């Protein structure tokens, strides 16, 4: 029985999941305070970390909010989009493979 178990385990290909960057995009309407709030609520950033990412978004047009496995990244993108829509901001969020 142990030999069969070892043969099966040898055939299983175990890999780390692909990681995805969740990216916030700059626009001319979403307030900096709202972006900071999103980064703290959805991405669990401290106020200082959120402020750094928000400034990166503001200055360079986009900023990385975090890096996660696919399903988590996808959920965070949808959460950001739902909050932005609820508060009537055009904040865009995307994900791309890391």
PDB file of N, CA and C in Angstrom:
ATOM      1  N   UNK A   1       0.820  -1.196   0.000  1.00  0.00           N
ATOM      2  CA  UNK A   1       0.000   0.000   0.000  1.00  0.00           C
ATOM      3  C   UNK A   1       0.862   1.257   0.000  1.00  0.00           C
ATOM      4  N   UNK A   2       1.934   1.274   0.785  1.00  0.00           N
ATOM      5  CA  UNK A   2       2.815   2.440   0.832  1.00  0.00           C
ATOM      6  C   UNK A   2       3.494   2.689  -0.503  1.00  0.00           C
ATOM      7  N   UNK A   3       3.797   1.603  -1.224  1.00  0.00           N
ATOM      8  CA  UNK A   3       4.439   1.751  -2.534  1.00  0.00           C
ATOM      9  C   UNK A   3       3.502   2.437  -3.522  1.00  0.00           C
ATOM     10  N   UNK A   4       2.238   2.063  -3.515  1.00  0.00           N
ATOM     11  CA  UNK A   4       1.247   2.692  -4.388  1.00  0.00           C
ATOM     12  C   UNK A   4       1.093   4.169  -4.034  1.00  0.00           C
ATOM     13  N   UNK A   5       1.057   4.464  -2.743  1.00  0.00           N
ATOM     14  CA  UNK A   5       0.935   5.849  -2.289  1.00  0.00           C
ATOM     15  C   UNK A   5       2.127   6.682  -2.751  1.00  0.00           C
ATOM     16  N   UNK A   6       3.327   6.122  -2.658  1.00  0.00           N
ATOM     17  CA  UNK A   6       4.532   6.827  -3.108  1.00  0.00           C
ATOM     18  C   UNK A   6       4.507   7.068  -4.609  1.00  0.00           C
ATOM     19  N   UNK A   7       4.012   6.086  -5.387  1.00  0.00           N
ATOM     20  CA  UNK A   7       3.924   6.249  -6.835  1.00  0.00           C
ATOM     21  C   UNK A   7       2.951   7.376  -7.189  1.00  0.00           C
ATOM     22  N   UNK A   8       1.844   7.429  -6.489  1.00  0.00           N
ATOM     23  CA  UNK A   8       0.861   8.480  -6.748  1.00  0.00           C
ATOM     24  C   UNK A   8       1.435   9.840  -6.388  1.00  0.00           C
ATOM     25  N   UNK A   9       2.075   9.950  -5.234  1.00  0.00           N
ATOM     26  CA  UNK A   9       2.650  11.221  -4.806  1.00  0.00           C
ATOM     27  C   UNK A   9       3.759  11.687  -5.743  1.00  0.00           C
ATOM     28  N   UNK A  10       4.512  10.742  -6.315  1.00  0.00           N
ATOM     29  CA  UNK A  10       5.564  11.102  -7.270  1.00  0.00           C
ATOM     30  C   UNK A  10       4.988  11.708  -8.540  1.00  0.00           C
ATOM     31  N   UNK A  11       3.754  11.337  -8.905  1.00  0.00           N
ATOM     32  CA  UNK A  11       3.144  11.829 -10.134  1.00  0.00           C
ATOM     33  C   UNK A  11       2.422  13.156  -9.960  1.00  0.00           C
ATOM     34  N   UNK A  12       2.153  13.542  -8.722  1.00  0.00           N
ATOM     35  CA  UNK A  12       1.457  14.802  -8.478  1.00  0.00           C
ATOM     36  C   UNK A  12       2.434  15.955  -8.652  1.00  0.00           C
ATOM     37  N   UNK A  13       2.048  16.899  -9.485  1.00  0.00           N
ATOM     38  CA  UNK A  13       2.887  18.079  -9.747  1.00  0.00           C
ATOM     39  C   UNK A  13       2.396  19.226  -8.861  1.00  0.00           C
ATOM     40  N   UNK A  14       3.133  19.499  -7.810  1.00  0.00           N
ATOM     41  CA  UNK A  14       2.749  20.541  -6.871  1.00  0.00           C
ATOM     42  C   UNK A  14       3.532  21.809  -7.204  1.00  0.00           C
ATOM     43  N   UNK A  15       2.781  22.893  -7.451  1.00  0.00           N
ATOM     44  CA  UNK A  15       3.408  24.171  -7.780  1.00  0.00           C
ATOM     45  C   UNK A  15       2.781  25.278  -6.952  1.00  0.00           C
ATOM     46  N   UNK A  16       3.539  26.320  -6.742  1.00  0.00           N
ATOM     47  CA  UNK A  16       2.995  27.520  -6.103  1.00  0.00           C
ATOM     48  C   UNK A  16       2.006  28.158  -7.072  1.00  0.00           C
ATOM     49  N   UNK A  17       0.935  28.761  -6.557  1.00  0.00           N
ATOM     50  CA  UNK A  17      -0.024  29.402  -7.468  1.00  0.00           C
ATOM     51  C   UNK A  17       0.600  30.627  -8.142  1.00  0.00           C
ATOM     52  N   UNK A  18       0.140  30.920  -9.352  1.00  0.00           N
ATOM     53  CA  UNK A  18       0.571  32.138 -10.030  1.00  0.00           C
ATOM     54  C   UNK A  18       0.088  33.334  -9.227  1.00  0.00           C
ATOM     55  N   UNK A  19       0.899  34.358  -9.168  1.00  0.00           N
ATOM     56  CA  UNK A  19       0.543  35.550  -8.411  1.00  0.00           C
ATOM     57  C   UNK A  19       0.159  36.671  -9.382  1.00  0.00           C
ATOM     58  N   UNK A  20      -0.753  37.529  -8.917  1.00  0.00           N
ATOM     59  CA  UNK A  20      -1.265  38.615  -9.738  1.00  0.00           C
ATOM     60  C   UNK A  20      -1.185  39.937  -8.987  1.00  0.00           C
ATOM     61  N   UNK A  21      -0.729  40.964  -9.690  1.00  0.00           N
ATOM     62  CA  UNK A  21      -0.687  42.311  -9.122  1.00  0.00           C
ATOM     63  C   UNK A  21      -2.075  42.929  -9.260  1.00  0.00           C
ATOM     64  N   UNK A  22      -2.528  43.571  -8.200  1.00  0.00           N
ATOM     65  CA  UNK A  22      -3.767  44.347  -8.265  1.00  0.00           C
ATOM     66  C   UNK A  22      -3.339  45.808  -8.383  1.00  0.00           C
ATOM     67  N   UNK A  23      -3.770  46.451  -9.456  1.00  0.00           N
ATOM     68  CA  UNK A  23      -3.288  47.784  -9.810  1.00  0.00           C
ATOM     69  C   UNK A  23      -4.445  48.784  -9.781  1.00  0.00           C
ATOM     70  N   UNK A  24      -4.210  49.913  -9.128  1.00  0.00           N
ATOM     71  CA  UNK A  24      -5.167  51.017  -9.133  1.00  0.00           C
ATOM     72  C   UNK A  24      -4.731  52.019 -10.185  1.00  0.00           C
ATOM     73  N   UNK A  25      -5.695  52.550 -10.933  1.00  0.00           N
ATOM     74  CA  UNK A  25      -5.415  53.512 -12.009  1.00  0.00           C
ATOM     75  C   UNK A  25      -5.840  54.917 -11.588  1.00  0.00           C
ATOM     76  N   UNK A  26      -5.059  55.892 -11.975  1.00  0.00           N
ATOM     77  CA  UNK A  26      -5.371  57.285 -11.659  1.00  0.00           C
ATOM     78  C   UNK A  26      -6.501  57.798 -12.553  1.00  0.00           C
ATOM     79  N   UNK A  27      -7.285  58.710 -12.015  1.00  0.00           N
ATOM     80  CA  UNK A  27      -8.279  59.442 -12.795  1.00  0.00           C
ATOM     81  C   UNK A  27      -8.365  60.848 -12.207  1.00  0.00           C
ATOM     82  N   UNK A  28      -9.119  61.705 -12.842  1.00  0.00           N
ATOM     83  CA  UNK A  28      -9.179  63.106 -12.407  1.00  0.00           C
ATOM     84  C   UNK A  28     -10.295  63.398 -11.412  1.00  0.00           C
ATOM     85  N   UNK A  29     -11.027  62.369 -10.962  1.00  0.00           N
ATOM     86  CA  UNK A  29     -12.191  62.613 -10.116  1.00  0.00           C
ATOM     87  C   UNK A  29     -12.148  61.929  -8.756  1.00  0.00           C
ATOM     88  N   UNK A  30     -11.573  60.736  -8.687  1.00  0.00           N
ATOM     89  CA  UNK A  30     -11.525  60.009  -7.419  1.00  0.00           C
ATOM     90  C   UNK A  30     -10.614  60.752  -6.450  1.00  0.00           C
ATOM     91  N   UNK A  31     -11.107  60.987  -5.245  1.00  0.00           N
ATOM     92  CA  UNK A  31     -10.323  61.746  -4.272  1.00  0.00           C
ATOM     93  C   UNK A  31      -9.188  60.896  -3.705  1.00  0.00           C
ATOM     94  N   UNK A  32      -8.154  61.580  -3.283  1.00  0.00           N
ATOM     95  CA  UNK A  32      -7.020  60.895  -2.669  1.00  0.00           C
ATOM     96  C   UNK A  32      -7.457  60.200  -1.381  1.00  0.00           C
ATOM     97  N   UNK A  33      -8.351  60.836  -0.635  1.00  0.00           N
ATOM     98  CA  UNK A  33      -8.848  60.235   0.606  1.00  0.00           C
ATOM     99  C   UNK A  33      -9.586  58.926   0.340  1.00  0.00           C
ATOM    100  N   UNK A  34     -10.351  58.879  -0.754  1.00  0.00           N
ATOM    101  CA  UNK A  34     -11.072  57.647  -1.090  1.00  0.00           C
ATOM    102  C   UNK A  34     -10.088  56.539  -1.444  1.00  0.00           C
ATOM    103  N   UNK A  35      -9.049  56.859  -2.199  1.00  0.00           N
ATOM    104  CA  UNK A  35      -8.043  55.859  -2.568  1.00  0.00           C
ATOM    105  C   UNK A  35      -7.351  55.338  -1.306  1.00  0.00           C
ATOM    106  N   UNK A  36      -7.020  56.214  -0.396  1.00  0.00           N
ATOM    107  CA  UNK A  36      -6.400  55.785   0.864  1.00  0.00           C
ATOM    108  C   UNK A  36      -7.354  54.875   1.634  1.00  0.00           C
ATOM    109  N   UNK A  37      -8.624  55.241   1.686  1.00  0.00           N
ATOM    110  CA  UNK A  37      -9.615  54.419   2.378  1.00  0.00           C
ATOM    111  C   UNK A  37      -9.716  53.032   1.744  1.00  0.00           C
ATOM    112  N   UNK A  38      -9.721  52.964   0.422  1.00  0.00           N
ATOM    113  CA  UNK A  38      -9.767  51.682  -0.293  1.00  0.00           C
ATOM    114  C   UNK A  38      -8.543  50.838   0.060  1.00  0.00           C
ATOM    115  N   UNK A  39      -7.377  51.461   0.034  1.00  0.00           N
ATOM    116  CA  UNK A  39      -6.143  50.727   0.325  1.00  0.00           C
ATOM    117  C   UNK A  39      -6.121  50.197   1.760  1.00  0.00           C
ATOM    118  N   UNK A  40      -6.686  50.945   2.679  1.00  0.00           N
ATOM    119  CA  UNK A  40      -6.720  50.503   4.069  1.00  0.00           C
ATOM    120  C   UNK A  40      -7.794  49.428   4.282  1.00  0.00           C
ATOM    121  N   UNK A  41      -8.975  49.614   3.703  1.00  0.00           N
ATOM    122  CA  UNK A  41     -10.086  48.669   3.906  1.00  0.00           C
ATOM    123  C   UNK A  41      -9.906  47.365   3.140  1.00  0.00           C
ATOM    124  N   UNK A  42      -9.613  47.469   1.861  1.00  0.00           N
ATOM    125  CA  UNK A  42      -9.584  46.290   0.998  1.00  0.00           C
ATOM    126  C   UNK A  42      -8.230  45.584   1.041  1.00  0.00           C
ATOM    127  N   UNK A  43      -7.164  46.383   1.122  1.00  0.00           N
ATOM    128  CA  UNK A  43      -5.818  45.801   1.034  1.00  0.00           C
ATOM    129  C   UNK A  43      -5.080  45.776   2.377  1.00  0.00           C
ATOM    130  N   UNK A  44      -5.756  46.231   3.429  1.00  0.00           N
ATOM    131  CA  UNK A  44      -5.220  46.179   4.804  1.00  0.00           C
ATOM    132  C   UNK A  44      -3.865  46.873   4.948  1.00  0.00           C
ATOM    133  N   UNK A  45      -3.729  48.012   4.272  1.00  0.00           N
ATOM    134  CA  UNK A  45      -2.519  48.828   4.389  1.00  0.00           C
ATOM    135  C   UNK A  45      -2.636  49.740   5.608  1.00  0.00           C
ATOM    136  N   UNK A  46      -1.494  50.084   6.176  1.00  0.00           N
ATOM    137  CA  UNK A  46      -1.497  51.117   7.202  1.00  0.00           C
ATOM    138  C   UNK A  46      -1.742  52.453   6.503  1.00  0.00           C
ATOM    139  N   UNK A  47      -2.025  53.487   7.271  1.00  0.00           N
ATOM    140  CA  UNK A  47      -2.262  54.798   6.656  1.00  0.00           C
ATOM    141  C   UNK A  47      -1.022  55.254   5.875  1.00  0.00           C
ATOM    142  N   UNK A  48       0.164  55.065   6.442  1.00  0.00           N
ATOM    143  CA  UNK A  48       1.396  55.476   5.752  1.00  0.00           C
ATOM    144  C   UNK A  48       1.608  54.686   4.468  1.00  0.00           C
ATOM    145  N   UNK A  49       1.390  53.370   4.507  1.00  0.00           N
ATOM    146  CA  UNK A  49       1.540  52.550   3.300  1.00  0.00           C
ATOM    147  C   UNK A  49       0.526  52.972   2.241  1.00  0.00           C
ATOM    148  N   UNK A  50      -0.709  53.199   2.682  1.00  0.00           N
ATOM    149  CA  UNK A  50      -1.765  53.604   1.747  1.00  0.00           C
ATOM    150  C   UNK A  50      -1.433  54.940   1.100  1.00  0.00           C
ATOM    151  N   UNK A  51      -0.903  55.859   1.883  1.00  0.00           N
ATOM    152  CA  UNK A  51      -0.545  57.166   1.351  1.00  0.00           C
ATOM    153  C   UNK A  51       0.562  57.047   0.302  1.00  0.00           C
ATOM    154  N   UNK A  52       1.539  56.175   0.537  1.00  0.00           N
ATOM    155  CA  UNK A  52       2.624  55.974  -0.440  1.00  0.00           C
ATOM    156  C   UNK A  52       2.090  55.419  -1.751  1.00  0.00           C
ATOM    157  N   UNK A  53       1.200  54.423  -1.668  1.00  0.00           N
ATOM    158  CA  UNK A  53       0.629  53.845  -2.887  1.00  0.00           C
ATOM    159  C   UNK A  53      -0.237  54.879  -3.603  1.00  0.00           C
ATOM    160  N   UNK A  54      -1.038  55.617  -2.840  1.00  0.00           N
ATOM    161  CA  UNK A  54      -1.901  56.647  -3.432  1.00  0.00           C
ATOM    162  C   UNK A  54      -1.055  57.677  -4.175  1.00  0.00           C
ATOM    163  N   UNK A  55       0.062  58.098  -3.600  1.00  0.00           N
ATOM    164  CA  UNK A  55       0.935  59.063  -4.277  1.00  0.00           C
ATOM    165  C   UNK A  55       1.552  58.468  -5.536  1.00  0.00           C
ATOM    166  N   UNK A  56       1.868  57.181  -5.498  1.00  0.00           N
ATOM    167  CA  UNK A  56       2.390  56.511  -6.691  1.00  0.00           C
ATOM    168  C   UNK A  56       1.321  56.520  -7.787  1.00  0.00           C
ATOM    169  N   UNK A  57       0.080  56.226  -7.420  1.00  0.00           N
ATOM    170  CA  UNK A  57      -1.025  56.256  -8.386  1.00  0.00           C
ATOM    171  C   UNK A  57      -1.171  57.661  -8.951  1.00  0.00           C
ATOM    172  N   UNK A  58      -1.134  58.654  -8.081  1.00  0.00           N
ATOM    173  CA  UNK A  58      -1.318  60.048  -8.488  1.00  0.00           C
ATOM    174  C   UNK A  58      -0.199  60.538  -9.411  1.00  0.00           C
ATOM    175  N   UNK A  59       1.027  60.206  -9.083  1.00  0.00           N
ATOM    176  CA  UNK A  59       2.174  60.720  -9.848  1.00  0.00           C
ATOM    177  C   UNK A  59       2.464  59.937 -11.117  1.00  0.00           C
ATOM    178  N   UNK A  60       2.353  58.605 -11.067  1.00  0.00           N
ATOM    179  CA  UNK A  60       2.749  57.817 -12.240  1.00  0.00           C
ATOM    180  C   UNK A  60       1.564  57.246 -13.019  1.00  0.00           C
ATOM    181  N   UNK A  61       0.346  57.465 -12.533  1.00  0.00           N
ATOM    182  CA  UNK A  61      -0.820  57.001 -13.267  1.00  0.00           C
ATOM    183  C   UNK A  61      -1.355  55.659 -12.810  1.00  0.00           C
ATOM    184  N   UNK A  62      -0.543  54.907 -12.085  1.00  0.00           N
ATOM    185  CA  UNK A  62      -1.017  53.634 -11.539  1.00  0.00           C
ATOM    186  C   UNK A  62      -0.110  53.214 -10.397  1.00  0.00           C
ATOM    187  N   UNK A  63      -0.638  52.340  -9.561  1.00  0.00           N
ATOM    188  CA  UNK A  63       0.137  51.860  -8.424  1.00  0.00           C
ATOM    189  C   UNK A  63      -0.312  50.471  -8.023  1.00  0.00           C
ATOM    190  N   UNK A  64       0.618  49.702  -7.507  1.00  0.00           N
ATOM    191  CA  UNK A  64       0.322  48.329  -7.109  1.00  0.00           C
ATOM    192  C   UNK A  64      -0.223  48.325  -5.686  1.00  0.00           C
ATOM    193  N   UNK A  65      -1.456  47.848  -5.551  1.00  0.00           N
ATOM    194  CA  UNK A  65      -2.096  47.771  -4.245  1.00  0.00           C
ATOM    195  C   UNK A  65      -1.675  46.504  -3.495  1.00  0.00           C
ATOM    196  N   UNK A  66      -1.335  45.462  -4.234  1.00  0.00           N
ATOM    197  CA  UNK A  66      -0.921  44.210  -3.612  1.00  0.00           C
ATOM    198  C   UNK A  66      -0.719  43.132  -4.654  1.00  0.00           C
ATOM    199  N   UNK A  67      -0.163  41.999  -4.207  1.00  0.00           N
ATOM    200  CA  UNK A  67       0.077  40.853  -5.084  1.00  0.00           C
ATOM    201  C   UNK A  67      -0.524  39.626  -4.408  1.00  0.00           C
ATOM    202  N   UNK A  68      -1.386  38.911  -5.154  1.00  0.00           N
ATOM    203  CA  UNK A  68      -2.169  37.827  -4.575  1.00  0.00           C
ATOM    204  C   UNK A  68      -2.349  36.682  -5.575  1.00  0.00           C
ATOM    205  N   UNK A  69      -2.749  35.498  -5.088  1.00  0.00           N
ATOM    206  CA  UNK A  69      -3.163  34.439  -6.008  1.00  0.00           C
ATOM    207  C   UNK A  69      -4.393  34.916  -6.797  1.00  0.00           C
ATOM    208  N   UNK A  70      -4.654  34.289  -7.927  1.00  0.00           N
ATOM    209  CA  UNK A  70      -5.677  34.744  -8.871  1.00  0.00           C
ATOM    210  C   UNK A  70      -7.026  35.035  -8.221  1.00  0.00           C
ATOM    211  N   UNK A  71      -7.577  34.077  -7.490  1.00  0.00           N
ATOM    212  CA  UNK A  71      -8.929  34.233  -6.939  1.00  0.00           C
ATOM    213  C   UNK A  71      -9.010  35.390  -5.952  1.00  0.00           C
ATOM    214  N   UNK A  72      -7.985  35.558  -5.149  1.00  0.00           N
ATOM    215  CA  UNK A  72      -7.980  36.659  -4.183  1.00  0.00           C
ATOM    216  C   UNK A  72      -7.846  37.986  -4.911  1.00  0.00           C
ATOM    217  N   UNK A  73      -6.958  38.059  -5.899  1.00  0.00           N
ATOM    218  CA  UNK A  73      -6.795  39.293  -6.685  1.00  0.00           C
ATOM    219  C   UNK A  73      -8.098  39.654  -7.381  1.00  0.00           C
ATOM    220  N   UNK A  74      -8.749  38.673  -7.960  1.00  0.00           N
ATOM    221  CA  UNK A  74     -10.014  38.904  -8.662  1.00  0.00           C
ATOM    222  C   UNK A  74     -11.085  39.434  -7.702  1.00  0.00           C
ATOM    223  N   UNK A  75     -11.141  38.864  -6.518  1.00  0.00           N
ATOM    224  CA  UNK A  75     -12.110  39.310  -5.512  1.00  0.00           C
ATOM    225  C   UNK A  75     -11.830  40.741  -5.077  1.00  0.00           C
ATOM    226  N   UNK A  76     -10.567  41.077  -4.892  1.00  0.00           N
ATOM    227  CA  UNK A  76     -10.207  42.436  -4.472  1.00  0.00           C
ATOM    228  C   UNK A  76     -10.547  43.451  -5.569  1.00  0.00           C
ATOM    229  N   UNK A  77     -10.306  43.110  -6.817  1.00  0.00           N
ATOM    230  CA  UNK A  77     -10.660  44.002  -7.933  1.00  0.00           C
ATOM    231  C   UNK A  77     -12.165  44.259  -7.921  1.00  0.00           C
ATOM    232  N   UNK A  78     -12.964  43.211  -7.764  1.00  0.00           N
ATOM    233  CA  UNK A  78     -14.423  43.371  -7.751  1.00  0.00           C
ATOM    234  C   UNK A  78     -14.879  44.192  -6.548  1.00  0.00           C
ATOM    235  N   UNK A  79     -14.226  43.999  -5.407  1.00  0.00           N
ATOM    236  CA  UNK A  79     -14.572  44.756  -4.197  1.00  0.00           C
ATOM    237  C   UNK A  79     -14.290  46.248  -4.414  1.00  0.00           C
ATOM    238  N   UNK A  80     -13.122  46.574  -4.987  1.00  0.00           N
ATOM    239  CA  UNK A  80     -12.775  47.970  -5.272  1.00  0.00           C
ATOM    240  C   UNK A  80     -13.783  48.575  -6.242  1.00  0.00           C
ATOM    241  N   UNK A  81     -14.098  47.852  -7.302  1.00  0.00           N
ATOM    242  CA  UNK A  81     -15.047  48.364  -8.298  1.00  0.00           C
ATOM    243  C   UNK A  81     -16.420  48.612  -7.675  1.00  0.00           C
ATOM    244  N   UNK A  82     -16.865  47.713  -6.800  1.00  0.00           N
ATOM    245  CA  UNK A  82     -18.171  47.877  -6.160  1.00  0.00           C
ATOM    246  C   UNK A  82     -18.187  49.091  -5.232  1.00  0.00           C
ATOM    247  N   UNK A  83     -17.118  49.274  -4.452  1.00  0.00           N
ATOM    248  CA  UNK A  83     -17.043  50.430  -3.557  1.00  0.00           C
ATOM    249  C   UNK A  83     -16.974  51.735  -4.343  1.00  0.00           C
ATOM    250  N   UNK A  84     -16.190  51.739  -5.422  1.00  0.00           N
ATOM    251  CA  UNK A  84     -16.078  52.945  -6.251  1.00  0.00           C
ATOM    252  C   UNK A  84     -17.435  53.295  -6.864  1.00  0.00           C
ATOM    253  N   UNK A  85     -18.134  52.302  -7.362  1.00  0.00           N
ATOM    254  CA  UNK A  85     -19.452  52.550  -7.952  1.00  0.00           C
ATOM    255  C   UNK A  85     -20.434  53.059  -6.893  1.00  0.00           C
ATOM    256  N   UNK A  86     -20.412  52.447  -5.721  1.00  0.00           N
ATOM    257  CA  UNK A  86     -21.314  52.853  -4.641  1.00  0.00           C
ATOM    258  C   UNK A  86     -21.097  54.312  -4.249  1.00  0.00           C
ATOM    259  N   UNK A  87     -19.825  54.743  -4.267  1.00  0.00           N
ATOM    260  CA  UNK A  87     -19.494  56.117  -3.878  1.00  0.00           C
ATOM    261  C   UNK A  87     -19.394  57.057  -5.082  1.00  0.00           C
ATOM    262  N   UNK A  88     -19.776  56.538  -6.248  1.00  0.00           N
ATOM    263  CA  UNK A  88     -19.821  57.319  -7.493  1.00  0.00           C
ATOM    264  C   UNK A  88     -18.469  57.892  -7.923  1.00  0.00           C
ATOM    265  N   UNK A  89     -17.437  57.057  -7.780  1.00  0.00           N
ATOM    266  CA  UNK A  89     -16.105  57.428  -8.264  1.00  0.00           C
ATOM    267  C   UNK A  89     -15.757  56.532  -9.445  1.00  0.00           C
ATOM    268  N   UNK A  90     -15.028  57.069 -10.433  1.00  0.00           N
ATOM    269  CA  UNK A  90     -14.646  56.263 -11.598  1.00  0.00           C
ATOM    270  C   UNK A  90     -13.341  55.479 -11.394  1.00  0.00           C
ATOM    271  N   UNK A  91     -12.957  55.240 -10.143  1.00  0.00           N
ATOM    272  CA  UNK A  91     -11.708  54.527  -9.859  1.00  0.00           C
ATOM    273  C   UNK A  91     -11.695  53.182 -10.564  1.00  0.00           C
ATOM    274  N   UNK A  92     -10.612  52.963 -11.313  1.00  0.00           N
ATOM    275  CA  UNK A  92     -10.463  51.689 -12.027  1.00  0.00           C
ATOM    276  C   UNK A  92      -9.388  50.845 -11.352  1.00  0.00           C
ATOM    277  N   UNK A  93      -9.602  49.553 -11.397  1.00  0.00           N
ATOM    278  CA  UNK A  93      -8.702  48.617 -10.771  1.00  0.00           C
ATOM    279  C   UNK A  93      -8.536  47.443 -11.739  1.00  0.00           C
ATOM    280  N   UNK A  94      -7.325  46.929 -11.865  1.00  0.00           N
ATOM    281  CA  UNK A  94      -7.074  45.821 -12.779  1.00  0.00           C
ATOM    282  C   UNK A  94      -6.104  44.856 -12.117  1.00  0.00           C
ATOM    283  N   UNK A  95      -5.936  43.710 -12.759  1.00  0.00           N
ATOM    284  CA  UNK A  95      -4.949  42.762 -12.281  1.00  0.00           C
ATOM    285  C   UNK A  95      -4.139  42.243 -13.460  1.00  0.00           C
ATOM    286  N   UNK A  96      -2.868  41.954 -13.178  1.00  0.00           N
ATOM    287  CA  UNK A  96      -2.007  41.392 -14.207  1.00  0.00           C
ATOM    288  C   UNK A  96      -1.052  40.417 -13.551  1.00  0.00           C
ATOM    289  N   UNK A  97      -0.666  39.410 -14.310  1.00  0.00           N
ATOM    290  CA  UNK A  97       0.219  38.384 -13.750  1.00  0.00           C
ATOM    291  C   UNK A  97       1.553  38.989 -13.350  1.00  0.00           C
ATOM    292  N   UNK A  98       2.024  38.584 -12.190  1.00  0.00           N
ATOM    293  CA  UNK A  98       3.270  39.106 -11.643  1.00  0.00           C
ATOM    294  C   UNK A  98       4.455  38.441 -12.316  1.00  0.00           C
TER     295      UNK A  98
END
